Amino acid sequence: LAYLIRRKLADAWRDLDVTVEEGLKKLSTLCAMEHEINGNQTGGMLSVPQPRPSLARLFSALTITPPSALPRRTGHVDSRRKLPSRRKSK
């Protein structure tokens, strides 16, 4: 599987004159900025700035659009539905 992924990346980035290792290293420099909502630190979000031109070309070659915002890692999702494994058996 790793070999197939490496080949796919190498094919996608062939015209950019970048190796898979160099491309992955560039992608690892992406970062996000934390924002508070109404002064509440626990309800904030992480915004992803527009990538530099070199990174934008890597995304374009892979036909990937990076998100503009991400949920905070400390956030959680609540649900009113019980999972089948949590329902009481009758």
N, C-alpha and C. Protein backbone atom coordinates (compact mmCIF):
# COMPACT_ATOMS: atom_id res chain seq x y z
N LEU A 1 0.83 -1.19 0.00
CA LEU A 1 0.00 0.00 0.00
C LEU A 1 0.87 1.26 0.00
N ALA A 2 1.90 1.26 0.83
CA ALA A 2 2.79 2.43 0.88
C ALA A 2 3.45 2.65 -0.48
N TYR A 3 3.82 1.57 -1.14
CA TYR A 3 4.44 1.69 -2.46
C TYR A 3 3.47 2.31 -3.46
N LEU A 4 2.20 1.87 -3.42
CA LEU A 4 1.20 2.42 -4.34
C LEU A 4 0.95 3.90 -4.08
N ILE A 5 0.90 4.28 -2.81
CA ILE A 5 0.72 5.70 -2.46
C ILE A 5 1.91 6.51 -2.93
N ARG A 6 3.10 5.99 -2.73
CA ARG A 6 4.31 6.69 -3.16
C ARG A 6 4.31 6.88 -4.68
N ARG A 7 3.92 5.84 -5.41
CA ARG A 7 3.85 5.95 -6.89
C ARG A 7 2.82 6.97 -7.32
N LYS A 8 1.67 6.98 -6.67
CA LYS A 8 0.60 7.94 -7.00
C LYS A 8 1.07 9.36 -6.77
N LEU A 9 1.75 9.59 -5.64
CA LEU A 9 2.27 10.92 -5.36
C LEU A 9 3.35 11.32 -6.36
N ALA A 10 4.24 10.39 -6.67
CA ALA A 10 5.31 10.69 -7.63
C ALA A 10 4.73 11.03 -8.99
N ASP A 11 3.69 10.31 -9.42
CA ASP A 11 3.05 10.60 -10.71
C ASP A 11 2.37 11.97 -10.68
N ALA A 12 1.68 12.28 -9.59
CA ALA A 12 0.95 13.55 -9.50
C ALA A 12 1.90 14.75 -9.47
N TRP A 13 3.07 14.57 -8.84
CA TRP A 13 4.00 15.69 -8.67
C TRP A 13 5.12 15.69 -9.70
N ARG A 14 5.07 14.81 -10.70
CA ARG A 14 6.14 14.69 -11.68
C ARG A 14 6.43 16.03 -12.37
N ASP A 15 5.41 16.76 -12.78
CA ASP A 15 5.60 18.03 -13.49
C ASP A 15 6.09 19.15 -12.58
N LEU A 16 6.05 18.95 -11.28
CA LEU A 16 6.47 19.98 -10.33
C LEU A 16 7.94 19.87 -9.95
N ASP A 17 8.61 18.85 -10.44
CA ASP A 17 10.03 18.64 -10.15
C ASP A 17 10.27 18.57 -8.64
N VAL A 18 9.50 17.71 -7.98
CA VAL A 18 9.63 17.53 -6.54
C VAL A 18 9.52 16.03 -6.25
N THR A 19 10.34 15.55 -5.34
CA THR A 19 10.25 14.15 -4.94
C THR A 19 9.12 13.98 -3.93
N VAL A 20 8.72 12.75 -3.69
CA VAL A 20 7.67 12.48 -2.71
C VAL A 20 8.11 12.97 -1.34
N GLU A 21 9.35 12.69 -0.97
CA GLU A 21 9.85 13.10 0.34
C GLU A 21 9.83 14.62 0.49
N GLU A 22 10.27 15.34 -0.56
CA GLU A 22 10.26 16.81 -0.50
C GLU A 22 8.84 17.35 -0.41
N GLY A 23 7.93 16.75 -1.18
CA GLY A 23 6.54 17.20 -1.14
C GLY A 23 5.90 16.98 0.21
N LEU A 24 6.13 15.80 0.80
CA LEU A 24 5.58 15.53 2.13
C LEU A 24 6.18 16.44 3.19
N LYS A 25 7.47 16.74 3.05
CA LYS A 25 8.11 17.65 4.00
C LYS A 25 7.50 19.05 3.90
N LYS A 26 7.23 19.51 2.67
CA LYS A 26 6.58 20.81 2.50
C LYS A 26 5.18 20.81 3.09
N LEU A 27 4.43 19.72 2.86
CA LEU A 27 3.08 19.65 3.40
C LEU A 27 3.06 19.63 4.93
N SER A 28 4.13 19.10 5.53
CA SER A 28 4.18 19.04 6.99
C SER A 28 4.39 20.41 7.62
N THR A 29 4.66 21.44 6.81
CA THR A 29 4.85 22.78 7.36
C THR A 29 3.53 23.54 7.49
N LEU A 30 2.43 22.93 7.08
CA LEU A 30 1.14 23.59 7.22
C LEU A 30 0.83 23.81 8.69
N CYS A 31 0.14 24.89 8.98
CA CYS A 31 -0.22 25.18 10.37
C CYS A 31 -1.63 25.74 10.41
N ALA A 32 -2.16 25.90 11.59
CA ALA A 32 -3.48 26.48 11.79
C ALA A 32 -3.37 27.54 12.88
N MET A 33 -4.25 28.55 12.80
CA MET A 33 -4.26 29.62 13.80
C MET A 33 -5.50 29.47 14.66
N GLU A 34 -5.34 29.61 15.97
CA GLU A 34 -6.45 29.45 16.89
C GLU A 34 -7.19 30.77 17.04
N HIS A 35 -8.52 30.69 17.01
CA HIS A 35 -9.37 31.87 17.18
C HIS A 35 -10.38 31.59 18.28
N GLU A 36 -10.67 32.60 19.08
CA GLU A 36 -11.69 32.48 20.11
C GLU A 36 -13.01 32.99 19.54
N ILE A 37 -14.10 32.47 20.03
CA ILE A 37 -15.42 32.95 19.66
C ILE A 37 -16.03 33.62 20.87
N ASN A 38 -16.30 34.91 20.76
CA ASN A 38 -16.88 35.71 21.85
C ASN A 38 -16.08 35.60 23.14
N GLY A 39 -14.77 35.56 23.05
CA GLY A 39 -13.90 35.49 24.22
C GLY A 39 -13.90 34.15 24.92
N ASN A 40 -14.53 33.16 24.35
CA ASN A 40 -14.61 31.83 24.96
C ASN A 40 -13.50 30.96 24.37
N GLN A 41 -12.53 30.63 25.19
CA GLN A 41 -11.39 29.86 24.71
C GLN A 41 -11.77 28.42 24.36
N THR A 42 -12.80 27.88 25.01
CA THR A 42 -13.16 26.49 24.75
C THR A 42 -14.02 26.34 23.51
N GLY A 43 -14.59 27.42 23.01
CA GLY A 43 -15.47 27.31 21.86
C GLY A 43 -14.85 27.84 20.59
N GLY A 44 -13.54 27.98 20.56
CA GLY A 44 -12.88 28.54 19.40
C GLY A 44 -12.76 27.58 18.25
N MET A 45 -12.05 28.03 17.23
CA MET A 45 -11.81 27.18 16.07
C MET A 45 -10.40 27.40 15.59
N LEU A 46 -9.95 26.54 14.75
CA LEU A 46 -8.64 26.67 14.14
C LEU A 46 -8.85 27.03 12.67
N SER A 47 -8.30 28.17 12.26
CA SER A 47 -8.42 28.53 10.85
C SER A 47 -7.12 28.16 10.14
N VAL A 48 -7.26 27.72 8.91
CA VAL A 48 -6.12 27.31 8.10
C VAL A 48 -5.87 28.41 7.08
N PRO A 49 -4.70 29.06 7.13
CA PRO A 49 -4.42 30.13 6.17
C PRO A 49 -4.24 29.57 4.76
N GLN A 50 -4.36 30.44 3.77
CA GLN A 50 -4.13 30.02 2.39
C GLN A 50 -2.69 29.51 2.27
N PRO A 51 -2.49 28.37 1.59
CA PRO A 51 -1.14 27.83 1.46
C PRO A 51 -0.27 28.69 0.55
N ARG A 52 1.03 28.64 0.80
CA ARG A 52 1.99 29.33 -0.07
C ARG A 52 1.85 28.77 -1.48
N PRO A 53 2.29 29.52 -2.50
CA PRO A 53 2.15 29.04 -3.88
C PRO A 53 2.74 27.66 -4.13
N SER A 54 3.88 27.35 -3.53
CA SER A 54 4.48 26.02 -3.75
C SER A 54 3.60 24.91 -3.18
N LEU A 55 2.98 25.16 -2.02
CA LEU A 55 2.08 24.17 -1.43
C LEU A 55 0.77 24.10 -2.21
N ALA A 56 0.31 25.24 -2.69
CA ALA A 56 -0.92 25.26 -3.46
C ALA A 56 -0.78 24.41 -4.72
N ARG A 57 0.40 24.43 -5.33
CA ARG A 57 0.63 23.60 -6.52
C ARG A 57 0.59 22.11 -6.17
N LEU A 58 1.13 21.75 -4.99
CA LEU A 58 1.07 20.34 -4.56
C LEU A 58 -0.38 19.90 -4.37
N PHE A 59 -1.18 20.73 -3.70
CA PHE A 59 -2.59 20.42 -3.50
C PHE A 59 -3.32 20.33 -4.84
N SER A 60 -3.03 21.26 -5.72
CA SER A 60 -3.68 21.27 -7.03
C SER A 60 -3.37 20.01 -7.82
N ALA A 61 -2.13 19.56 -7.78
CA ALA A 61 -1.74 18.35 -8.50
C ALA A 61 -2.44 17.12 -7.95
N LEU A 62 -2.77 17.14 -6.66
CA LEU A 62 -3.48 16.02 -6.04
C LEU A 62 -5.00 16.21 -6.06
N THR A 63 -5.46 17.34 -6.61
CA THR A 63 -6.88 17.73 -6.62
C THR A 63 -7.48 17.70 -5.21
N ILE A 64 -6.75 18.31 -4.27
CA ILE A 64 -7.20 18.41 -2.88
C ILE A 64 -7.37 19.89 -2.55
N THR A 65 -8.49 20.22 -1.92
CA THR A 65 -8.71 21.58 -1.44
C THR A 65 -8.60 21.55 0.08
N PRO A 66 -7.61 22.26 0.65
CA PRO A 66 -7.49 22.25 2.11
C PRO A 66 -8.67 22.97 2.75
N PRO A 67 -9.08 22.55 3.94
CA PRO A 67 -10.22 23.21 4.60
C PRO A 67 -9.82 24.61 5.06
N SER A 68 -10.80 25.48 5.22
CA SER A 68 -10.51 26.83 5.71
C SER A 68 -10.55 26.89 7.23
N ALA A 69 -11.19 25.92 7.88
CA ALA A 69 -11.26 25.89 9.34
C ALA A 69 -11.33 24.45 9.82
N LEU A 70 -10.86 24.25 11.04
CA LEU A 70 -10.87 22.93 11.68
C LEU A 70 -11.45 23.07 13.08
N PRO A 71 -12.13 22.04 13.59
CA PRO A 71 -12.59 22.11 14.97
C PRO A 71 -11.41 22.00 15.92
N ARG A 72 -11.59 22.54 17.11
CA ARG A 72 -10.54 22.43 18.12
C ARG A 72 -10.39 20.97 18.54
N ARG A 73 -9.20 20.60 18.93
CA ARG A 73 -8.97 19.22 19.37
C ARG A 73 -9.67 18.90 20.67
N THR A 74 -9.93 19.93 21.48
CA THR A 74 -10.58 19.69 22.76
C THR A 74 -12.10 19.63 22.62
N GLY A 75 -12.61 19.89 21.44
CA GLY A 75 -14.05 19.86 21.23
C GLY A 75 -14.58 18.44 21.19
N HIS A 76 -15.87 18.31 21.38
CA HIS A 76 -16.51 17.00 21.28
C HIS A 76 -17.91 17.17 20.71
N VAL A 77 -18.46 16.09 20.26
CA VAL A 77 -19.80 16.11 19.67
C VAL A 77 -20.70 15.28 20.56
N ASP A 78 -21.84 15.86 20.93
CA ASP A 78 -22.83 15.14 21.72
C ASP A 78 -23.96 14.67 20.82
N SER A 79 -24.56 13.59 21.18
CA SER A 79 -25.67 13.06 20.42
C SER A 79 -26.73 12.57 21.39
N ARG A 80 -27.99 12.72 21.01
CA ARG A 80 -29.07 12.22 21.85
C ARG A 80 -29.40 10.77 21.55
N ARG A 81 -28.92 10.27 20.40
CA ARG A 81 -29.19 8.87 20.05
C ARG A 81 -28.23 7.96 20.80
N LYS A 82 -28.78 6.89 21.32
CA LYS A 82 -27.93 5.91 21.99
C LYS A 82 -27.43 4.92 20.97
N LEU A 83 -26.19 4.51 21.11
CA LEU A 83 -25.62 3.49 20.25
C LEU A 83 -26.30 2.16 20.57
N PRO A 84 -26.44 1.30 19.54
CA PRO A 84 -27.07 -0.01 19.81
C PRO A 84 -26.40 -0.77 20.95
N SER A 85 -25.10 -0.65 21.09
CA SER A 85 -24.41 -1.36 22.16
C SER A 85 -24.73 -0.80 23.54
N ARG A 86 -25.25 0.44 23.61
CA ARG A 86 -25.59 1.07 24.89
C ARG A 86 -27.05 0.91 25.27
N ARG A 87 -27.89 0.48 24.31
CA ARG A 87 -29.32 0.32 24.59
C ARG A 87 -29.55 -0.86 25.52
N LYS A 88 -30.53 -0.71 26.38
CA LYS A 88 -30.86 -1.81 27.29
C LYS A 88 -31.63 -2.89 26.55
N SER A 89 -31.25 -4.11 26.78
CA SER A 89 -31.97 -5.23 26.18
C SER A 89 -33.23 -5.50 26.98
N LYS A 90 -34.32 -5.81 26.27
CA LYS A 90 -35.58 -6.10 26.98
C LYS A 90 -35.82 -7.56 27.08
